[in-house]
């Protein structure tokens, strides 16, 4: 089982990368993406709810052991024995991934503020392409 901080940071990173093009397109208030980072972290921790659940503990534990929980920020993949054996690397990798997502968001936001055209798609395409590259990297290294 990967540490909780790894699950939290992977969920927060993925949701931040997914919301970046939307936040830039609609010029969302800065607190909205920040709140979504926190929700993304909770989303990544969702399958571990069986540790504190007062009811349905066995059903939730069974769900936690199924590959379907990969929908919660690759939770099942992070709990595999290969990742479990590399405890420190999983924490360090999730921290690097989070910094990468934050950097991508900041660069895209800066590009958006520097463009003179109001309806240009270039910052959105940059944010989308970087997000896709990071997701491809995660998918390639998780198998």
N, C-alpha and C. Protein backbone atom coordinates (compact mmCIF):
# COMPACT_ATOMS: atom_id res chain seq x y z
N UNK A 1 0.84 -1.18 0.00
CA UNK A 1 0.00 0.00 0.00
C UNK A 1 0.88 1.23 0.00
N UNK A 2 0.62 2.12 -0.91
CA UNK A 2 1.35 3.38 -0.97
C UNK A 2 0.94 4.26 0.21
N UNK A 3 1.81 5.14 0.64
CA UNK A 3 1.44 6.01 1.76
C UNK A 3 0.30 6.95 1.37
N UNK A 4 -0.41 7.39 2.36
CA UNK A 4 -1.57 8.26 2.12
C UNK A 4 -1.18 9.55 1.43
N UNK A 5 0.00 10.08 1.75
CA UNK A 5 0.42 11.33 1.11
C UNK A 5 0.60 11.14 -0.39
N UNK A 6 1.03 9.97 -0.82
CA UNK A 6 1.18 9.69 -2.25
C UNK A 6 -0.19 9.66 -2.93
N UNK A 7 -1.15 8.99 -2.31
CA UNK A 7 -2.51 8.97 -2.86
C UNK A 7 -3.08 10.38 -2.95
N UNK A 8 -2.88 11.15 -1.90
CA UNK A 8 -3.42 12.50 -1.85
C UNK A 8 -2.79 13.38 -2.94
N UNK A 9 -1.47 13.33 -3.07
CA UNK A 9 -0.79 14.19 -4.03
C UNK A 9 -1.07 13.78 -5.47
N UNK A 10 -1.20 12.49 -5.74
CA UNK A 10 -1.53 12.06 -7.10
C UNK A 10 -2.94 12.53 -7.47
N UNK A 11 -3.88 12.38 -6.56
CA UNK A 11 -5.25 12.86 -6.82
C UNK A 11 -5.29 14.37 -7.02
N UNK A 12 -4.57 15.10 -6.18
CA UNK A 12 -4.54 16.56 -6.30
C UNK A 12 -3.89 16.98 -7.62
N UNK A 13 -2.82 16.31 -8.00
CA UNK A 13 -2.11 16.64 -9.25
C UNK A 13 -2.98 16.38 -10.47
N UNK A 14 -3.62 15.23 -10.50
CA UNK A 14 -4.45 14.89 -11.65
C UNK A 14 -5.62 15.84 -11.82
N UNK A 15 -6.28 16.18 -10.72
CA UNK A 15 -7.41 17.09 -10.84
C UNK A 15 -6.96 18.50 -11.22
N UNK A 16 -5.80 18.92 -10.73
CA UNK A 16 -5.29 20.24 -11.12
C UNK A 16 -4.95 20.26 -12.61
N UNK A 17 -4.36 19.18 -13.12
CA UNK A 17 -4.05 19.13 -14.55
C UNK A 17 -5.32 19.09 -15.39
N UNK A 18 -6.34 18.42 -14.89
CA UNK A 18 -7.59 18.36 -15.64
C UNK A 18 -8.34 19.69 -15.63
N UNK A 19 -8.22 20.44 -14.56
CA UNK A 19 -8.96 21.69 -14.45
C UNK A 19 -8.21 22.87 -15.10
N UNK A 20 -6.93 22.71 -15.39
CA UNK A 20 -6.14 23.82 -15.93
C UNK A 20 -6.74 24.43 -17.20
N UNK A 21 -7.06 23.64 -18.23
CA UNK A 21 -7.65 24.28 -19.43
C UNK A 21 -8.98 24.97 -19.15
N UNK A 22 -9.78 24.39 -18.28
CA UNK A 22 -11.07 24.99 -17.95
C UNK A 22 -10.89 26.28 -17.17
N UNK A 23 -9.95 26.27 -16.22
CA UNK A 23 -9.70 27.47 -15.42
C UNK A 23 -9.19 28.60 -16.28
N UNK A 24 -8.38 28.28 -17.29
CA UNK A 24 -7.86 29.32 -18.16
C UNK A 24 -8.92 29.83 -19.13
N UNK A 25 -9.72 28.93 -19.63
CA UNK A 25 -10.73 29.31 -20.62
C UNK A 25 -11.78 30.24 -20.01
N UNK A 26 -12.22 29.92 -18.81
CA UNK A 26 -13.29 30.69 -18.19
C UNK A 26 -12.80 31.67 -17.14
N UNK A 27 -11.49 31.79 -17.03
CA UNK A 27 -10.88 32.72 -16.07
C UNK A 27 -11.50 32.59 -14.68
N UNK A 28 -11.40 31.41 -14.16
CA UNK A 28 -11.96 31.14 -12.83
C UNK A 28 -11.20 31.93 -11.76
N UNK A 29 -11.89 32.20 -10.69
CA UNK A 29 -11.24 32.85 -9.56
C UNK A 29 -10.14 31.94 -9.02
N UNK A 30 -9.06 32.51 -8.48
CA UNK A 30 -7.93 31.68 -8.03
C UNK A 30 -8.28 30.68 -6.94
N UNK A 31 -9.30 30.95 -6.14
CA UNK A 31 -9.63 30.04 -5.05
C UNK A 31 -10.30 28.77 -5.56
N UNK A 32 -10.88 28.79 -6.75
CA UNK A 32 -11.56 27.60 -7.26
C UNK A 32 -10.55 26.48 -7.57
N UNK A 33 -9.48 26.74 -8.36
CA UNK A 33 -8.51 25.66 -8.57
C UNK A 33 -7.84 25.22 -7.27
N UNK A 34 -7.62 26.16 -6.36
CA UNK A 34 -7.02 25.79 -5.07
C UNK A 34 -7.93 24.84 -4.29
N UNK A 35 -9.22 25.13 -4.29
CA UNK A 35 -10.17 24.23 -3.64
C UNK A 35 -10.25 22.88 -4.33
N UNK A 36 -10.13 22.89 -5.66
CA UNK A 36 -10.17 21.63 -6.40
C UNK A 36 -8.94 20.78 -6.14
N UNK A 37 -7.82 21.40 -5.82
CA UNK A 37 -6.63 20.64 -5.44
C UNK A 37 -6.92 19.84 -4.17
N UNK A 38 -7.55 20.48 -3.21
CA UNK A 38 -7.90 19.77 -1.98
C UNK A 38 -8.91 18.66 -2.25
N UNK A 39 -9.92 18.93 -3.08
CA UNK A 39 -10.89 17.89 -3.42
C UNK A 39 -10.25 16.75 -4.19
N UNK A 40 -9.28 17.06 -5.05
CA UNK A 40 -8.57 16.01 -5.79
C UNK A 40 -7.79 15.10 -4.87
N UNK A 41 -7.21 15.67 -3.83
CA UNK A 41 -6.50 14.85 -2.85
C UNK A 41 -7.44 13.92 -2.11
N UNK A 42 -8.59 14.43 -1.74
CA UNK A 42 -9.59 13.59 -1.06
C UNK A 42 -10.11 12.52 -2.01
N UNK A 43 -10.27 12.86 -3.29
CA UNK A 43 -10.67 11.90 -4.32
C UNK A 43 -9.65 10.77 -4.41
N UNK A 44 -8.35 11.09 -4.35
CA UNK A 44 -7.32 10.07 -4.39
C UNK A 44 -7.31 9.18 -3.16
N UNK A 45 -7.75 9.70 -2.04
CA UNK A 45 -7.81 8.91 -0.80
C UNK A 45 -9.13 8.16 -0.63
N UNK A 46 -10.10 8.41 -1.49
CA UNK A 46 -11.44 7.84 -1.35
C UNK A 46 -11.51 6.36 -1.05
N UNK A 47 -10.78 5.50 -1.78
CA UNK A 47 -10.88 4.06 -1.50
C UNK A 47 -10.37 3.63 -0.13
N UNK A 48 -9.61 4.48 0.54
CA UNK A 48 -9.12 4.14 1.88
C UNK A 48 -10.12 4.49 2.97
N UNK A 49 -11.32 4.85 2.58
CA UNK A 49 -12.36 5.21 3.54
C UNK A 49 -12.71 4.03 4.46
N UNK A 50 -12.42 2.81 4.01
CA UNK A 50 -12.75 1.63 4.82
C UNK A 50 -11.98 1.61 6.14
N UNK A 51 -10.90 2.37 6.24
CA UNK A 51 -10.13 2.42 7.49
C UNK A 51 -10.89 3.15 8.60
N UNK A 52 -11.78 4.06 8.23
CA UNK A 52 -12.49 4.86 9.24
C UNK A 52 -14.00 4.70 9.17
N UNK A 53 -14.47 3.86 8.25
CA UNK A 53 -15.92 3.73 8.06
C UNK A 53 -16.58 3.02 9.25
N UNK A 54 -17.63 3.58 9.80
CA UNK A 54 -18.32 2.93 10.90
C UNK A 54 -19.22 1.78 10.43
N UNK A 55 -19.61 1.78 9.16
CA UNK A 55 -20.47 0.73 8.62
C UNK A 55 -19.92 0.30 7.26
N UNK A 56 -20.35 -0.87 6.82
CA UNK A 56 -19.96 -1.42 5.51
C UNK A 56 -18.45 -1.56 5.35
N UNK A 57 -17.76 -1.86 6.44
CA UNK A 57 -16.30 -1.95 6.36
C UNK A 57 -15.84 -3.08 5.45
N UNK A 58 -16.48 -4.24 5.53
CA UNK A 58 -16.05 -5.37 4.70
C UNK A 58 -16.33 -5.12 3.21
N UNK A 59 -17.45 -4.49 2.90
CA UNK A 59 -17.75 -4.19 1.51
C UNK A 59 -16.78 -3.14 0.94
N UNK A 60 -16.48 -2.14 1.74
CA UNK A 60 -15.55 -1.12 1.30
C UNK A 60 -14.13 -1.68 1.16
N UNK A 61 -13.76 -2.60 2.04
CA UNK A 61 -12.45 -3.25 1.94
C UNK A 61 -12.37 -4.09 0.67
N UNK A 62 -13.47 -4.77 0.32
CA UNK A 62 -13.50 -5.56 -0.90
C UNK A 62 -13.39 -4.66 -2.13
N UNK A 63 -14.07 -3.53 -2.10
CA UNK A 63 -13.97 -2.58 -3.20
C UNK A 63 -12.54 -2.04 -3.32
N UNK A 64 -11.89 -1.81 -2.19
CA UNK A 64 -10.52 -1.30 -2.18
C UNK A 64 -9.56 -2.26 -2.88
N UNK A 65 -9.83 -3.53 -2.82
CA UNK A 65 -8.95 -4.52 -3.43
C UNK A 65 -9.23 -4.78 -4.90
N UNK A 66 -10.17 -4.07 -5.50
CA UNK A 66 -10.51 -4.31 -6.90
C UNK A 66 -9.82 -3.29 -7.81
N UNK A 67 -9.57 -3.66 -9.06
CA UNK A 67 -8.95 -2.70 -10.00
C UNK A 67 -9.82 -1.49 -10.32
N UNK A 68 -11.10 -1.52 -9.97
CA UNK A 68 -11.97 -0.38 -10.24
C UNK A 68 -11.56 0.87 -9.48
N UNK A 69 -10.82 0.71 -8.40
CA UNK A 69 -10.43 1.90 -7.64
C UNK A 69 -9.31 2.68 -8.33
N UNK A 70 -8.84 2.21 -9.49
CA UNK A 70 -7.92 3.02 -10.29
C UNK A 70 -8.61 4.29 -10.79
N UNK A 71 -9.95 4.30 -10.78
CA UNK A 71 -10.68 5.52 -11.13
C UNK A 71 -10.44 6.63 -10.11
N UNK A 72 -9.96 6.27 -8.95
CA UNK A 72 -9.64 7.23 -7.90
C UNK A 72 -8.13 7.51 -7.95
N UNK A 73 -7.69 8.18 -8.99
CA UNK A 73 -6.30 8.63 -9.13
C UNK A 73 -5.30 7.47 -9.04
N UNK A 74 -5.56 6.43 -9.81
CA UNK A 74 -4.67 5.27 -9.89
C UNK A 74 -4.41 4.62 -8.52
N UNK A 75 -5.42 4.59 -7.68
CA UNK A 75 -5.27 4.08 -6.32
C UNK A 75 -4.83 2.62 -6.30
N UNK A 76 -5.45 1.79 -7.12
CA UNK A 76 -5.11 0.36 -7.16
C UNK A 76 -3.67 0.16 -7.62
N UNK A 77 -3.27 0.93 -8.63
CA UNK A 77 -1.90 0.82 -9.15
C UNK A 77 -0.89 1.24 -8.10
N UNK A 78 -1.20 2.28 -7.35
CA UNK A 78 -0.28 2.73 -6.30
C UNK A 78 -0.19 1.75 -5.14
N UNK A 79 -1.18 0.88 -4.99
CA UNK A 79 -1.17 -0.10 -3.90
C UNK A 79 -0.57 -1.44 -4.31
N UNK A 80 -0.07 -1.55 -5.53
CA UNK A 80 0.52 -2.81 -5.99
C UNK A 80 1.85 -3.06 -5.28
N UNK A 81 2.25 -4.33 -5.20
CA UNK A 81 3.50 -4.66 -4.47
C UNK A 81 4.74 -3.97 -5.03
N UNK A 82 4.81 -3.75 -6.33
CA UNK A 82 5.99 -3.10 -6.91
C UNK A 82 6.14 -1.67 -6.39
N UNK A 83 5.04 -0.97 -6.22
CA UNK A 83 5.09 0.39 -5.68
C UNK A 83 5.29 0.34 -4.17
N UNK A 84 4.66 -0.62 -3.53
CA UNK A 84 4.77 -0.77 -2.07
C UNK A 84 6.23 -0.99 -1.66
N UNK A 85 6.99 -1.69 -2.51
CA UNK A 85 8.39 -1.97 -2.19
C UNK A 85 9.26 -0.72 -2.29
N UNK A 86 8.78 0.28 -2.99
CA UNK A 86 9.54 1.52 -3.17
C UNK A 86 8.83 2.67 -2.45
N UNK A 87 8.74 2.54 -1.16
CA UNK A 87 7.99 3.49 -0.33
C UNK A 87 8.51 4.92 -0.51
N UNK A 88 9.81 5.13 -0.32
CA UNK A 88 10.37 6.48 -0.41
C UNK A 88 10.25 7.04 -1.83
N UNK A 89 10.46 6.19 -2.82
CA UNK A 89 10.36 6.64 -4.21
C UNK A 89 8.94 7.06 -4.56
N UNK A 90 7.94 6.36 -4.01
CA UNK A 90 6.56 6.74 -4.31
C UNK A 90 6.21 8.08 -3.68
N UNK A 91 6.72 8.34 -2.49
CA UNK A 91 6.48 9.64 -1.86
C UNK A 91 7.19 10.74 -2.64
N UNK A 92 8.45 10.51 -2.96
CA UNK A 92 9.22 11.51 -3.69
C UNK A 92 8.63 11.74 -5.08
N UNK A 93 8.24 10.68 -5.76
CA UNK A 93 7.63 10.81 -7.09
C UNK A 93 6.32 11.56 -7.06
N UNK A 94 5.51 11.33 -6.04
CA UNK A 94 4.24 12.05 -5.95
C UNK A 94 4.46 13.53 -5.65
N UNK A 95 5.48 13.83 -4.86
CA UNK A 95 5.81 15.24 -4.60
C UNK A 95 6.28 15.91 -5.88
N UNK A 96 7.13 15.23 -6.65
CA UNK A 96 7.59 15.78 -7.92
C UNK A 96 6.43 15.97 -8.90
N UNK A 97 5.53 15.00 -8.94
CA UNK A 97 4.36 15.12 -9.81
C UNK A 97 3.49 16.30 -9.43
N UNK A 98 3.32 16.51 -8.13
CA UNK A 98 2.53 17.64 -7.66
C UNK A 98 3.18 18.97 -8.04
N UNK A 99 4.50 19.06 -7.84
CA UNK A 99 5.21 20.27 -8.26
C UNK A 99 5.11 20.47 -9.76
N UNK A 100 5.14 19.40 -10.52
CA UNK A 100 4.98 19.50 -11.97
C UNK A 100 3.60 20.03 -12.35
N UNK A 101 2.57 19.54 -11.67
CA UNK A 101 1.21 20.01 -11.95
C UNK A 101 1.04 21.48 -11.58
N UNK A 102 1.59 21.87 -10.44
CA UNK A 102 1.50 23.27 -10.02
C UNK A 102 2.28 24.16 -10.98
N UNK A 103 3.46 23.71 -11.40
CA UNK A 103 4.26 24.48 -12.36
C UNK A 103 3.53 24.62 -13.68
N UNK A 104 2.91 23.55 -14.15
CA UNK A 104 2.13 23.61 -15.39
C UNK A 104 1.00 24.63 -15.27
N UNK A 105 0.30 24.60 -14.15
CA UNK A 105 -0.79 25.55 -13.94
C UNK A 105 -0.26 26.99 -13.91
N UNK A 106 0.85 27.19 -13.24
CA UNK A 106 1.41 28.54 -13.14
C UNK A 106 1.90 29.05 -14.49
N UNK A 107 2.56 28.20 -15.27
CA UNK A 107 3.04 28.61 -16.59
C UNK A 107 1.86 28.93 -17.50
N UNK A 108 0.85 28.07 -17.48
CA UNK A 108 -0.32 28.31 -18.32
C UNK A 108 -1.04 29.58 -17.92
N UNK A 109 -1.13 29.85 -16.63
CA UNK A 109 -1.77 31.08 -16.15
C UNK A 109 -0.96 32.30 -16.56
N UNK A 110 0.35 32.19 -16.46
CA UNK A 110 1.20 33.31 -16.87
C UNK A 110 1.11 33.56 -18.37
N UNK A 111 1.07 32.51 -19.17
CA UNK A 111 0.89 32.68 -20.61
C UNK A 111 -0.46 33.33 -20.92
N UNK A 112 -1.46 32.96 -20.15
CA UNK A 112 -2.80 33.52 -20.36
C UNK A 112 -2.81 35.02 -20.06
N UNK A 113 -2.13 35.44 -19.02
CA UNK A 113 -2.14 36.86 -18.66
C UNK A 113 -1.28 37.69 -19.60
N UNK A 114 -0.30 37.07 -20.26
CA UNK A 114 0.58 37.81 -21.17
C UNK A 114 0.03 37.93 -22.58
N UNK A 115 -0.96 37.15 -22.93
CA UNK A 115 -1.50 37.24 -24.29
C UNK A 115 -2.44 38.43 -24.39
N UNK A 116 -2.35 39.15 -25.50
CA UNK A 116 -3.19 40.31 -25.73
C UNK A 116 -4.56 39.93 -26.29
N UNK A 117 -4.61 38.81 -27.00
CA UNK A 117 -5.88 38.39 -27.58
C UNK A 117 -6.74 37.76 -26.50
N UNK A 118 -7.98 38.09 -26.48
CA UNK A 118 -8.85 37.59 -25.41
C UNK A 118 -9.33 36.18 -25.67
N UNK A 119 -9.45 35.77 -26.91
CA UNK A 119 -10.00 34.44 -27.20
C UNK A 119 -8.96 33.50 -27.81
N UNK A 120 -7.72 33.70 -27.50
CA UNK A 120 -6.69 32.82 -28.05
C UNK A 120 -6.71 31.47 -27.33
N UNK A 121 -6.36 30.45 -28.06
CA UNK A 121 -6.38 29.11 -27.49
C UNK A 121 -5.00 28.64 -27.09
N UNK A 122 -3.96 29.42 -27.35
CA UNK A 122 -2.60 28.95 -27.12
C UNK A 122 -2.32 28.55 -25.67
N UNK A 123 -2.70 29.31 -24.66
CA UNK A 123 -2.42 28.84 -23.29
C UNK A 123 -3.18 27.55 -22.97
N UNK A 124 -4.38 27.43 -23.52
CA UNK A 124 -5.16 26.22 -23.27
C UNK A 124 -4.50 25.02 -23.92
N UNK A 125 -4.00 25.22 -25.12
CA UNK A 125 -3.33 24.11 -25.80
C UNK A 125 -2.03 23.74 -25.10
N UNK A 126 -1.30 24.72 -24.60
CA UNK A 126 -0.08 24.43 -23.85
C UNK A 126 -0.42 23.65 -22.59
N UNK A 127 -1.43 24.10 -21.86
CA UNK A 127 -1.82 23.41 -20.63
C UNK A 127 -2.31 22.01 -20.93
N UNK A 128 -3.11 21.86 -21.96
CA UNK A 128 -3.63 20.54 -22.32
C UNK A 128 -2.51 19.61 -22.78
N UNK A 129 -1.58 20.12 -23.57
CA UNK A 129 -0.51 19.26 -24.05
C UNK A 129 0.42 18.83 -22.92
N UNK A 130 0.73 19.73 -22.00
CA UNK A 130 1.58 19.35 -20.87
C UNK A 130 0.85 18.35 -19.97
N UNK A 131 -0.44 18.57 -19.76
CA UNK A 131 -1.21 17.63 -18.94
C UNK A 131 -1.25 16.25 -19.59
N UNK A 132 -1.45 16.21 -20.89
CA UNK A 132 -1.45 14.92 -21.58
C UNK A 132 -0.09 14.24 -21.53
N UNK A 133 0.97 15.01 -21.67
CA UNK A 133 2.31 14.43 -21.58
C UNK A 133 2.56 13.84 -20.19
N UNK A 134 2.15 14.55 -19.16
CA UNK A 134 2.33 14.04 -17.80
C UNK A 134 1.48 12.77 -17.57
N UNK A 135 0.27 12.77 -18.08
CA UNK A 135 -0.58 11.58 -17.95
C UNK A 135 0.01 10.39 -18.71
N UNK A 136 0.55 10.64 -19.89
CA UNK A 136 1.21 9.58 -20.64
C UNK A 136 2.43 9.05 -19.90
N UNK A 137 3.19 9.94 -19.28
CA UNK A 137 4.34 9.51 -18.52
C UNK A 137 3.93 8.64 -17.33
N UNK A 138 2.89 9.05 -16.64
CA UNK A 138 2.39 8.26 -15.50
C UNK A 138 1.91 6.90 -15.98
N UNK A 139 1.18 6.88 -17.09
CA UNK A 139 0.67 5.61 -17.62
C UNK A 139 1.81 4.71 -18.07
N UNK A 140 2.85 5.28 -18.65
CA UNK A 140 3.96 4.47 -19.13
C UNK A 140 4.79 3.89 -17.99
N UNK A 141 4.92 4.64 -16.92
CA UNK A 141 5.75 4.18 -15.81
C UNK A 141 4.99 3.33 -14.81
N UNK A 142 3.68 3.30 -14.90
CA UNK A 142 2.91 2.53 -13.90
C UNK A 142 2.82 1.05 -14.23
N UNK A 143 3.14 0.65 -15.44
CA UNK A 143 3.02 -0.77 -15.77
C UNK A 143 4.31 -1.53 -15.62
